Amino acid sequence: MVDRVILAMRASPDWGEFAQDYAAGIPVPATRYFPAHDLRFSRDVPRIIERWNELSPVSYFECRRRLRDIAEANLTKVERVIRVGWPGVPGVLEELDEASLLLFYLDDDDWFHPDLVDMCEEIDASSIDVAVFPYLRLAASVTTFTRGGQPTPHAVGRYEPFKYRYCTNNYGLTARALSSGASLLEHSSASQAGVDLGFVDLHVDEIVSATSKTPCSASWLPELPLEKDAFDRYIRTYIETLEALQIPSALAWVEAPLRETLVLFREVCSSSPSAAMRRPQVRSNA
């Protein structure tokens, strides 16, 4: 039985501060937000962000702030979890001592099922290192990632296999794994640790999380057109793809953050910040 579920937020820029400064005319140079040491990100990202700010009435920083707020509204509905920033994990683990637990790392744009704790409580955390779940990626190409790309209940979009042993916000670490001393904060290093240390995984066929990969996600920014008409078409294609989704009733928790995300991106490609926005209707399968 799992006694505690912990959601530990990875580090992220202070988008609220940057959005406020940018709106006030205070420069927001790349040194304030771009991790130049991290070679996973294209060196063109700061230039693309500058162009975004020229093309859209919603600054890149404001867009990221609002996406963070949408995710935060979702997380407040996840009952009975312990929430902490990633530097606070050792203290929480010490306080819980030998409690049977699962810890999920997440980013500031990730969403979780409100019944996450109930969905995890029957897992025998004493006999495994990592509980691994399928997850949704809501983007211009909607995907459900699963082990080996196999079908799973309530999937949305196409199937793809996990690209790593553990991915983004879909792996719950037990106390046994966390006591290994391995680097488990990022999915790539956690996946390698799983191989190196012979972690025992339990694959649970339940979707408990979703990652919202919008046009302003750092990994997708290099795909962004840099001319106004093409930019707007690109954003509208993203919106139309997500509007057309058939959301299974079991995933109804996705509807509210998805709806608010689409409202935001209609503003992103509008002609002015005050343009009237149509609230999109996300269809649900009862």
C-alpha atoms as a PDB file:
ATOM      1  CA  MET A   1       0.000   0.000   0.000  1.00  0.00           C
ATOM      2  CA  VAL A   2       1.180   3.523  -0.803  1.00  0.00           C
ATOM      3  CA  ASP A   3       0.734   5.801   2.207  1.00  0.00           C
ATOM      4  CA  ARG A   4       1.984   9.069   0.694  1.00  0.00           C
ATOM      5  CA  VAL A   5       2.223  10.564  -2.793  1.00  0.00           C
ATOM      6  CA  ILE A   6       4.624  13.467  -3.321  1.00  0.00           C
ATOM      7  CA  LEU A   7       4.654  15.903  -6.246  1.00  0.00           C
ATOM      8  CA  ALA A   8       8.072  17.564  -6.467  1.00  0.00           C
ATOM      9  CA  MET A   9       8.396  20.542  -8.827  1.00  0.00           C
ATOM     10  CA  ARG A  10      11.570  20.802 -10.868  1.00  0.00           C
ATOM     11  CA  ALA A  11      13.262  24.193 -11.191  1.00  0.00           C
ATOM     12  CA  SER A  12      11.767  26.647 -13.693  1.00  0.00           C
ATOM     13  CA  PRO A  13      12.240  30.329 -14.543  1.00  0.00           C
ATOM     14  CA  ASP A  14      10.138  32.911 -12.722  1.00  0.00           C
ATOM     15  CA  TRP A  15       7.811  33.573 -15.634  1.00  0.00           C
ATOM     16  CA  GLY A  16       5.618  35.888 -13.560  1.00  0.00           C
ATOM     17  CA  GLU A  17       8.526  38.201 -12.791  1.00  0.00           C
ATOM     18  CA  PHE A  18       9.695  38.196 -16.402  1.00  0.00           C
ATOM     19  CA  ALA A  19       6.189  38.883 -17.703  1.00  0.00           C
ATOM     20  CA  GLN A  20       5.794  41.805 -15.309  1.00  0.00           C
ATOM     21  CA  ASP A  21       9.175  43.271 -16.236  1.00  0.00           C
ATOM     22  CA  TYR A  22       8.583  42.881 -19.965  1.00  0.00           C
ATOM     23  CA  ALA A  23       5.166  44.578 -19.718  1.00  0.00           C
ATOM     24  CA  ALA A  24       6.836  47.450 -17.827  1.00  0.00           C
ATOM     25  CA  GLY A  25       9.516  47.869 -20.486  1.00  0.00           C
ATOM     26  CA  ILE A  26      12.278  46.367 -18.364  1.00  0.00           C
ATOM     27  CA  PRO A  27      14.676  44.263 -20.497  1.00  0.00           C
ATOM     28  CA  VAL A  28      14.509  40.505 -20.068  1.00  0.00           C
ATOM     29  CA  PRO A  29      17.815  39.303 -21.533  1.00  0.00           C
ATOM     30  CA  ALA A  30      18.383  35.633 -22.292  1.00  0.00           C
ATOM     31  CA  THR A  31      20.774  35.370 -19.349  1.00  0.00           C
ATOM     32  CA  ARG A  32      17.739  35.637 -17.063  1.00  0.00           C
ATOM     33  CA  TYR A  33      15.901  32.607 -18.426  1.00  0.00           C
ATOM     34  CA  PHE A  34      17.942  30.590 -20.926  1.00  0.00           C
ATOM     35  CA  PRO A  35      20.063  27.697 -19.557  1.00  0.00           C
ATOM     36  CA  ALA A  36      23.001  28.188 -21.920  1.00  0.00           C
ATOM     37  CA  HIS A  37      24.842  25.302 -20.231  1.00  0.00           C
ATOM     38  CA  ASP A  38      22.097  22.838 -21.171  1.00  0.00           C
ATOM     39  CA  LEU A  39      22.809  21.577 -24.670  1.00  0.00           C
ATOM     40  CA  ARG A  40      19.342  20.038 -24.990  1.00  0.00           C
ATOM     41  CA  PHE A  41      18.002  23.467 -25.943  1.00  0.00           C
ATOM     42  CA  SER A  42      18.581  25.092 -29.319  1.00  0.00           C
ATOM     43  CA  ARG A  43      20.891  28.100 -29.268  1.00  0.00           C
ATOM     44  CA  ASP A  44      18.241  29.889 -31.370  1.00  0.00           C
ATOM     45  CA  VAL A  45      15.664  29.932 -28.554  1.00  0.00           C
ATOM     46  CA  PRO A  46      16.393  33.503 -27.324  1.00  0.00           C
ATOM     47  CA  ARG A  47      16.137  34.867 -30.888  1.00  0.00           C
ATOM     48  CA  ILE A  48      12.867  33.018 -31.460  1.00  0.00           C
ATOM     49  CA  ILE A  49      11.438  34.376 -28.208  1.00  0.00           C
ATOM     50  CA  GLU A  50      12.309  37.901 -29.305  1.00  0.00           C
ATOM     51  CA  ARG A  51      10.472  37.299 -32.567  1.00  0.00           C
ATOM     52  CA  TRP A  52       7.487  35.780 -30.700  1.00  0.00           C
ATOM     53  CA  ASN A  53       7.203  38.999 -28.718  1.00  0.00           C
ATOM     54  CA  GLU A  54       7.115  40.973 -31.978  1.00  0.00           C
ATOM     55  CA  LEU A  55       4.457  38.747 -33.557  1.00  0.00           C
ATOM     56  CA  SER A  56       2.016  38.142 -30.698  1.00  0.00           C
ATOM     57  CA  PRO A  57      -0.015  40.450 -28.424  1.00  0.00           C
ATOM     58  CA  VAL A  58       0.739  37.960 -25.606  1.00  0.00           C
ATOM     59  CA  SER A  59       4.432  38.028 -24.748  1.00  0.00           C
ATOM     60  CA  TYR A  60       6.262  34.733 -24.509  1.00  0.00           C
ATOM     61  CA  PHE A  61       6.808  35.363 -20.809  1.00  0.00           C
ATOM     62  CA  GLU A  62       3.136  36.090 -20.174  1.00  0.00           C
ATOM     63  CA  CYS A  63       2.184  32.970 -22.101  1.00  0.00           C
ATOM     64  CA  ARG A  64       4.447  30.821 -19.943  1.00  0.00           C
ATOM     65  CA  ARG A  65       3.128  32.496 -16.789  1.00  0.00           C
ATOM     66  CA  ARG A  66      -0.445  31.685 -17.710  1.00  0.00           C
ATOM     67  CA  LEU A  67       0.406  28.095 -18.614  1.00  0.00           C
ATOM     68  CA  ARG A  68       1.980  27.762 -15.171  1.00  0.00           C
ATOM     69  CA  ASP A  69      -1.188  29.166 -13.583  1.00  0.00           C
ATOM     70  CA  ILE A  70      -3.350  26.723 -15.555  1.00  0.00           C
ATOM     71  CA  ALA A  71      -1.232  23.830 -14.311  1.00  0.00           C
ATOM     72  CA  GLU A  72      -1.348  25.184 -10.766  1.00  0.00           C
ATOM     73  CA  ALA A  73      -5.156  25.292 -10.881  1.00  0.00           C
ATOM     74  CA  ASN A  74      -5.117  21.634 -11.914  1.00  0.00           C
ATOM     75  CA  LEU A  75      -2.705  20.644  -9.151  1.00  0.00           C
ATOM     76  CA  THR A  76      -4.821  22.280  -6.453  1.00  0.00           C
ATOM     77  CA  LYS A  77      -7.511  19.690  -7.284  1.00  0.00           C
ATOM     78  CA  VAL A  78      -5.179  16.735  -6.671  1.00  0.00           C
ATOM     79  CA  GLU A  79      -6.208  15.717  -3.178  1.00  0.00           C
ATOM     80  CA  ARG A  80      -4.039  14.474  -0.304  1.00  0.00           C
ATOM     81  CA  VAL A  81      -0.681  14.849  -2.053  1.00  0.00           C
ATOM     82  CA  ILE A  82       2.408  16.422  -0.543  1.00  0.00           C
ATOM     83  CA  ARG A  83       3.716  19.204  -2.777  1.00  0.00           C
ATOM     84  CA  VAL A  84       7.280  20.429  -2.574  1.00  0.00           C
ATOM     85  CA  GLY A  85       9.978  22.040  -4.707  1.00  0.00           C
ATOM     86  CA  TRP A  86      12.711  19.618  -5.730  1.00  0.00           C
ATOM     87  CA  PRO A  87      15.287  21.024  -3.222  1.00  0.00           C
ATOM     88  CA  GLY A  88      12.851  20.132  -0.413  1.00  0.00           C
ATOM     89  CA  VAL A  89      12.700  16.432  -1.292  1.00  0.00           C
ATOM     90  CA  PRO A  90      15.411  15.254   1.175  1.00  0.00           C
ATOM     91  CA  GLY A  91      13.662  16.997   4.061  1.00  0.00           C
ATOM     92  CA  VAL A  92      10.285  15.484   3.193  1.00  0.00           C
ATOM     93  CA  LEU A  93      11.819  12.010   2.893  1.00  0.00           C
ATOM     94  CA  GLU A  94      13.512  12.397   6.272  1.00  0.00           C
ATOM     95  CA  GLU A  95      10.243  13.495   7.852  1.00  0.00           C
ATOM     96  CA  LEU A  96       8.315  10.578   6.358  1.00  0.00           C
ATOM     97  CA  ASP A  97      11.084   8.145   7.335  1.00  0.00           C
ATOM     98  CA  GLU A  98      10.140   4.660   6.115  1.00  0.00           C
ATOM     99  CA  ALA A  99       6.679   5.509   4.838  1.00  0.00           C
ATOM    100  CA  SER A 100       5.467   3.662   1.776  1.00  0.00           C
ATOM    101  CA  LEU A 101       5.525   6.430  -0.822  1.00  0.00           C
ATOM    102  CA  LEU A 102       5.679   7.404  -4.472  1.00  0.00           C
ATOM    103  CA  LEU A 103       7.372  10.607  -5.581  1.00  0.00           C
ATOM    104  CA  PHE A 104       6.670  12.148  -8.985  1.00  0.00           C
ATOM    105  CA  TYR A 105       8.860  14.916 -10.365  1.00  0.00           C
ATOM    106  CA  LEU A 106       7.012  17.395 -12.573  1.00  0.00           C
ATOM    107  CA  ASP A 107       7.435  20.619 -14.502  1.00  0.00           C
ATOM    108  CA  ASP A 108       5.372  23.763 -14.135  1.00  0.00           C
ATOM    109  CA  ASP A 109       3.152  22.917 -17.128  1.00  0.00           C
ATOM    110  CA  ASP A 110       2.289  19.320 -16.178  1.00  0.00           C
ATOM    111  CA  TRP A 111      -1.200  18.109 -15.179  1.00  0.00           C
ATOM    112  CA  PHE A 112      -2.232  15.256 -12.885  1.00  0.00           C
ATOM    113  CA  HIS A 113      -5.385  13.245 -12.275  1.00  0.00           C
ATOM    114  CA  PRO A 114      -7.250  14.586  -9.201  1.00  0.00           C
ATOM    115  CA  ASP A 115      -7.589  11.001  -7.906  1.00  0.00           C
ATOM    116  CA  LEU A 116      -3.859  10.292  -8.198  1.00  0.00           C
ATOM    117  CA  VAL A 117      -3.560   9.110  -4.580  1.00  0.00           C
ATOM    118  CA  ASP A 118      -6.440   6.658  -4.883  1.00  0.00           C
ATOM    119  CA  MET A 119      -5.016   5.334  -8.146  1.00  0.00           C
ATOM    120  CA  CYS A 120      -1.670   4.608  -6.482  1.00  0.00           C
ATOM    121  CA  GLU A 121      -2.739   3.302  -3.084  1.00  0.00           C
ATOM    122  CA  GLU A 122      -2.836  -0.408  -4.003  1.00  0.00           C
ATOM    123  CA  ILE A 123       0.739  -0.421  -5.300  1.00  0.00           C
ATOM    124  CA  ASP A 124       3.169  -2.426  -3.174  1.00  0.00           C
ATOM    125  CA  ALA A 125       5.921   0.173  -2.987  1.00  0.00           C
ATOM    126  CA  SER A 126       8.107  -2.078  -0.836  1.00  0.00           C
ATOM    127  CA  SER A 127       8.758  -4.525  -3.672  1.00  0.00           C
ATOM    128  CA  ILE A 128       9.587  -2.120  -6.514  1.00  0.00           C
ATOM    129  CA  ASP A 129      11.762   0.876  -7.296  1.00  0.00           C
ATOM    130  CA  VAL A 130       9.609   2.724  -9.829  1.00  0.00           C
ATOM    131  CA  ALA A 131       5.920   2.709 -10.787  1.00  0.00           C
ATOM    132  CA  VAL A 132       5.567   3.647 -14.458  1.00  0.00           C
ATOM    133  CA  PHE A 133       2.342   4.916 -16.030  1.00  0.00           C
ATOM    134  CA  PRO A 134       1.235   5.739 -19.588  1.00  0.00           C
ATOM    135  CA  TYR A 135       0.787   9.463 -20.148  1.00  0.00           C
ATOM    136  CA  LEU A 136      -0.718  11.958 -22.564  1.00  0.00           C
ATOM    137  CA  ARG A 137       1.134  14.545 -24.583  1.00  0.00           C
ATOM    138  CA  LEU A 138      -1.291  17.266 -25.659  1.00  0.00           C
ATOM    139  CA  ALA A 139       0.304  19.047 -28.588  1.00  0.00           C
ATOM    140  CA  ALA A 140      -0.158  19.706 -32.303  1.00  0.00           C
ATOM    141  CA  SER A 141       0.280  15.931 -32.556  1.00  0.00           C
ATOM    142  CA  VAL A 142      -1.695  14.325 -29.720  1.00  0.00           C
ATOM    143  CA  THR A 143      -0.060  11.183 -28.372  1.00  0.00           C
ATOM    144  CA  THR A 144      -0.526   8.603 -25.649  1.00  0.00           C
ATOM    145  CA  PHE A 145       2.866   7.178 -24.679  1.00  0.00           C
ATOM    146  CA  THR A 146       2.896   3.622 -23.374  1.00  0.00           C
ATOM    147  CA  ARG A 147       5.354   0.811 -22.797  1.00  0.00           C
ATOM    148  CA  GLY A 148       6.186  -0.471 -26.274  1.00  0.00           C
ATOM    149  CA  GLY A 149       3.420   1.651 -27.771  1.00  0.00           C
ATOM    150  CA  GLN A 150       0.822  -0.888 -26.628  1.00  0.00           C
ATOM    151  CA  PRO A 151      -2.889   0.048 -26.315  1.00  0.00           C
ATOM    152  CA  THR A 152      -4.089   1.289 -22.949  1.00  0.00           C
ATOM    153  CA  PRO A 153      -7.577   2.225 -21.702  1.00  0.00           C
ATOM    154  CA  HIS A 154      -8.816   5.788 -22.372  1.00  0.00           C
ATOM    155  CA  ALA A 155      -5.966   6.706 -24.707  1.00  0.00           C
ATOM    156  CA  VAL A 156      -6.197   9.854 -26.819  1.00  0.00           C
ATOM    157  CA  GLY A 157      -4.543  10.404 -30.205  1.00  0.00           C
ATOM    158  CA  ARG A 158      -1.942   8.045 -31.580  1.00  0.00           C
ATOM    159  CA  TYR A 159       0.172   5.569 -29.629  1.00  0.00           C
ATOM    160  CA  GLU A 160       3.933   5.856 -29.292  1.00  0.00           C
ATOM    161  CA  PRO A 161       6.389   3.872 -27.172  1.00  0.00           C
ATOM    162  CA  PHE A 162       8.227   5.559 -24.321  1.00  0.00           C
ATOM    163  CA  LYS A 163      11.326   7.299 -25.652  1.00  0.00           C
ATOM    164  CA  TYR A 164      13.087   6.631 -22.363  1.00  0.00           C
ATOM    165  CA  ARG A 165      12.585   4.018 -19.686  1.00  0.00           C
ATOM    166  CA  TYR A 166      10.971   6.791 -17.636  1.00  0.00           C
ATOM    167  CA  CYS A 167       9.541   9.950 -19.206  1.00  0.00           C
ATOM    168  CA  THR A 168       8.659  13.436 -17.980  1.00  0.00           C
ATOM    169  CA  ASN A 169       6.001  13.163 -15.203  1.00  0.00           C
ATOM    170  CA  ASN A 170       4.966   9.505 -15.531  1.00  0.00           C
ATOM    171  CA  TYR A 171       7.343   7.740 -13.136  1.00  0.00           C
ATOM    172  CA  GLY A 172       6.711   7.414  -9.413  1.00  0.00           C
ATOM    173  CA  LEU A 173       9.844   6.751  -7.352  1.00  0.00           C
ATOM    174  CA  THR A 174       9.693   4.661  -4.200  1.00  0.00           C
ATOM    175  CA  ALA A 175      11.721   5.230  -1.050  1.00  0.00           C
ATOM    176  CA  ARG A 176      13.921   2.330  -2.152  1.00  0.00           C
ATOM    177  CA  ALA A 177      14.842   4.067  -5.399  1.00  0.00           C
ATOM    178  CA  LEU A 178      15.296   7.438  -3.710  1.00  0.00           C
ATOM    179  CA  SER A 179      17.699   5.920  -1.173  1.00  0.00           C
ATOM    180  CA  SER A 180      19.996   4.734  -3.982  1.00  0.00           C
ATOM    181  CA  GLY A 181      21.765   8.085  -4.203  1.00  0.00           C
ATOM    182  CA  ALA A 182      21.326   8.119  -7.982  1.00  0.00           C
ATOM    183  CA  SER A 183      20.335  11.218  -9.953  1.00  0.00           C
ATOM    184  CA  LEU A 184      16.592  10.733 -10.507  1.00  0.00           C
ATOM    185  CA  LEU A 185      15.383  14.312 -10.989  1.00  0.00           C
ATOM    186  CA  GLU A 186      15.418  14.248 -14.809  1.00  0.00           C
ATOM    187  CA  HIS A 187      13.902  11.389 -16.767  1.00  0.00           C
ATOM    188  CA  SER A 188      17.030  10.791 -18.865  1.00  0.00           C
ATOM    189  CA  SER A 189      19.347  10.361 -15.881  1.00  0.00           C
ATOM    190  CA  ALA A 190      16.682   8.414 -13.991  1.00  0.00           C
ATOM    191  CA  SER A 191      16.300   6.065 -16.953  1.00  0.00           C
ATOM    192  CA  GLN A 192      20.044   5.436 -17.048  1.00  0.00           C
ATOM    193  CA  ALA A 193      20.097   4.855 -13.295  1.00  0.00           C
ATOM    194  CA  GLY A 194      17.306   2.326 -13.716  1.00  0.00           C
ATOM    195  CA  VAL A 195      19.523   0.368 -16.090  1.00  0.00           C
ATOM    196  CA  ASP A 196      22.744   0.764 -14.131  1.00  0.00           C
ATOM    197  CA  LEU A 197      21.242  -0.147 -10.756  1.00  0.00           C
ATOM    198  CA  GLY A 198      18.809  -2.800 -11.956  1.00  0.00           C
ATOM    199  CA  PHE A 199      15.683  -1.031 -10.753  1.00  0.00           C
ATOM    200  CA  VAL A 200      12.518  -3.094 -10.545  1.00  0.00           C
ATOM    201  CA  ASP A 201       9.669  -1.378 -12.431  1.00  0.00           C
ATOM    202  CA  LEU A 202       5.942  -1.886 -12.059  1.00  0.00           C
ATOM    203  CA  HIS A 203       3.929  -0.829 -15.117  1.00  0.00           C
ATOM    204  CA  VAL A 204       0.456   0.362 -14.133  1.00  0.00           C
ATOM    205  CA  ASP A 205      -2.087   0.608 -16.971  1.00  0.00           C
ATOM    206  CA  GLU A 206      -3.696   3.853 -15.802  1.00  0.00           C
ATOM    207  CA  ILE A 207      -3.215   7.357 -17.199  1.00  0.00           C
ATOM    208  CA  VAL A 208      -2.492   9.626 -14.226  1.00  0.00           C
ATOM    209  CA  SER A 209      -0.762  12.570 -15.915  1.00  0.00           C
ATOM    210  CA  ALA A 210      -0.548  14.728 -19.013  1.00  0.00           C
ATOM    211  CA  THR A 211       2.106  17.008 -20.383  1.00  0.00           C
ATOM    212  CA  SER A 212       0.965  20.141 -22.218  1.00  0.00           C
ATOM    213  CA  LYS A 213       3.428  20.698 -25.063  1.00  0.00           C
ATOM    214  CA  THR A 214       2.350  24.011 -26.504  1.00  0.00           C
ATOM    215  CA  PRO A 215       3.986  26.088 -29.252  1.00  0.00           C
ATOM    216  CA  CYS A 216       5.953  27.947 -26.560  1.00  0.00           C
ATOM    217  CA  SER A 217       7.504  24.789 -25.088  1.00  0.00           C
ATOM    218  CA  ALA A 218      11.273  25.248 -25.311  1.00  0.00           C
ATOM    219  CA  SER A 219      11.757  21.995 -27.209  1.00  0.00           C
ATOM    220  CA  TRP A 220       9.203  23.063 -29.846  1.00  0.00           C
ATOM    221  CA  LEU A 221      10.238  26.685 -30.309  1.00  0.00           C
ATOM    222  CA  PRO A 222      12.643  25.897 -33.194  1.00  0.00           C
ATOM    223  CA  GLU A 223       9.571  24.795 -35.222  1.00  0.00           C
ATOM    224  CA  LEU A 224       7.892  28.185 -34.836  1.00  0.00           C
ATOM    225  CA  PRO A 225       7.459  30.237 -38.056  1.00  0.00           C
ATOM    226  CA  LEU A 226       8.934  33.718 -37.820  1.00  0.00           C
ATOM    227  CA  GLU A 227       6.543  35.538 -40.183  1.00  0.00           C
ATOM    228  CA  LYS A 228       3.213  36.835 -38.853  1.00  0.00           C
ATOM    229  CA  ASP A 229       0.836  34.999 -41.226  1.00  0.00           C
ATOM    230  CA  ALA A 230       2.687  31.701 -40.884  1.00  0.00           C
ATOM    231  CA  PHE A 231       2.943  32.178 -37.106  1.00  0.00           C
ATOM    232  CA  ASP A 232      -0.817  32.668 -36.797  1.00  0.00           C
ATOM    233  CA  ARG A 233      -1.557  29.656 -39.028  1.00  0.00           C
ATOM    234  CA  TYR A 234       0.791  27.509 -36.945  1.00  0.00           C
ATOM    235  CA  ILE A 235      -0.933  28.524 -33.701  1.00  0.00           C
ATOM    236  CA  ARG A 236      -4.403  28.028 -35.203  1.00  0.00           C
ATOM    237  CA  THR A 237      -3.480  24.542 -36.411  1.00  0.00           C
ATOM    238  CA  TYR A 238      -2.442  23.672 -32.859  1.00  0.00           C
ATOM    239  CA  ILE A 239      -5.757  25.031 -31.527  1.00  0.00           C
ATOM    240  CA  GLU A 240      -7.869  23.217 -34.116  1.00  0.00           C
ATOM    241  CA  THR A 241      -6.126  19.907 -33.440  1.00  0.00           C
ATOM    242  CA  LEU A 242      -6.890  20.086 -29.735  1.00  0.00           C
ATOM    243  CA  GLU A 243     -10.432  21.380 -30.249  1.00  0.00           C
ATOM    244  CA  ALA A 244     -11.199  18.304 -32.343  1.00  0.00           C
ATOM    245  CA  LEU A 245     -10.188  15.859 -29.600  1.00  0.00           C
ATOM    246  CA  GLN A 246     -12.696  13.342 -28.332  1.00  0.00           C
ATOM    247  CA  ILE A 247     -11.964  13.222 -24.595  1.00  0.00           C
ATOM    248  CA  PRO A 248     -13.033   9.962 -22.881  1.00  0.00           C
ATOM    249  CA  SER A 249     -15.172  10.484 -19.795  1.00  0.00           C
ATOM    250  CA  ALA A 250     -12.432   8.833 -17.700  1.00  0.00           C
ATOM    251  CA  LEU A 251     -10.166  11.746 -18.654  1.00  0.00           C
ATOM    252  CA  ALA A 252     -12.672  14.511 -17.969  1.00  0.00           C
ATOM    253  CA  TRP A 253     -10.107  16.091 -15.607  1.00  0.00           C
ATOM    254  CA  VAL A 254      -8.130  17.136 -18.696  1.00  0.00           C
ATOM    255  CA  GLU A 255     -10.955  19.277 -20.072  1.00  0.00           C
ATOM    256  CA  ALA A 256     -10.636  22.335 -17.800  1.00  0.00           C
ATOM    257  CA  PRO A 257      -6.892  22.954 -18.239  1.00  0.00           C
ATOM    258  CA  LEU A 258      -7.155  22.149 -21.950  1.00  0.00           C
ATOM    259  CA  ARG A 259     -10.002  24.623 -22.407  1.00  0.00           C
ATOM    260  CA  GLU A 260      -8.069  27.368 -20.648  1.00  0.00           C
ATOM    261  CA  THR A 261      -4.975  26.594 -22.729  1.00  0.00           C
ATOM    262  CA  LEU A 262      -6.958  27.028 -25.940  1.00  0.00           C
ATOM    263  CA  VAL A 263      -8.405  30.318 -24.710  1.00  0.00           C
ATOM    264  CA  LEU A 264      -4.845  31.520 -24.112  1.00  0.00           C
ATOM    265  CA  PHE A 265      -3.593  30.545 -27.557  1.00  0.00           C
ATOM    266  CA  ARG A 266      -6.514  32.218 -29.293  1.00  0.00           C
ATOM    267  CA  GLU A 267      -5.202  35.383 -27.707  1.00  0.00           C
ATOM    268  CA  VAL A 268      -1.649  34.542 -28.798  1.00  0.00           C
ATOM    269  CA  CYS A 269      -2.620  34.681 -32.483  1.00  0.00           C
ATOM    270  CA  SER A 270      -5.150  37.521 -32.263  1.00  0.00           C
ATOM    271  CA  SER A 271      -4.512  40.920 -33.794  1.00  0.00           C
ATOM    272  CA  SER A 272      -4.658  42.771 -30.493  1.00  0.00           C
ATOM    273  CA  PRO A 273      -4.597  41.910 -26.771  1.00  0.00           C
ATOM    274  CA  SER A 274      -8.186  43.110 -26.376  1.00  0.00           C
ATOM    275  CA  ALA A 275      -9.631  41.110 -29.282  1.00  0.00           C
ATOM    276  CA  ALA A 276     -12.765  39.216 -28.266  1.00  0.00           C
ATOM    277  CA  MET A 277     -12.019  35.552 -27.770  1.00  0.00           C
ATOM    278  CA  ARG A 278     -14.430  32.695 -28.472  1.00  0.00           C
ATOM    279  CA  ARG A 279     -14.290  30.124 -25.671  1.00  0.00           C
ATOM    280  CA  PRO A 280     -13.562  26.811 -27.407  1.00  0.00           C
ATOM    281  CA  GLN A 281     -15.724  23.808 -26.663  1.00  0.00           C
ATOM    282  CA  VAL A 282     -13.781  20.603 -26.007  1.00  0.00           C
ATOM    283  CA  ARG A 283     -16.053  17.670 -26.823  1.00  0.00           C
ATOM    284  CA  SER A 284     -16.412  14.946 -24.249  1.00  0.00           C
ATOM    285  CA  ASN A 285     -17.491  11.333 -24.744  1.00  0.00           C
ATOM    286  CA  ALA A 286     -19.946  10.527 -21.964  1.00  0.00           C
END
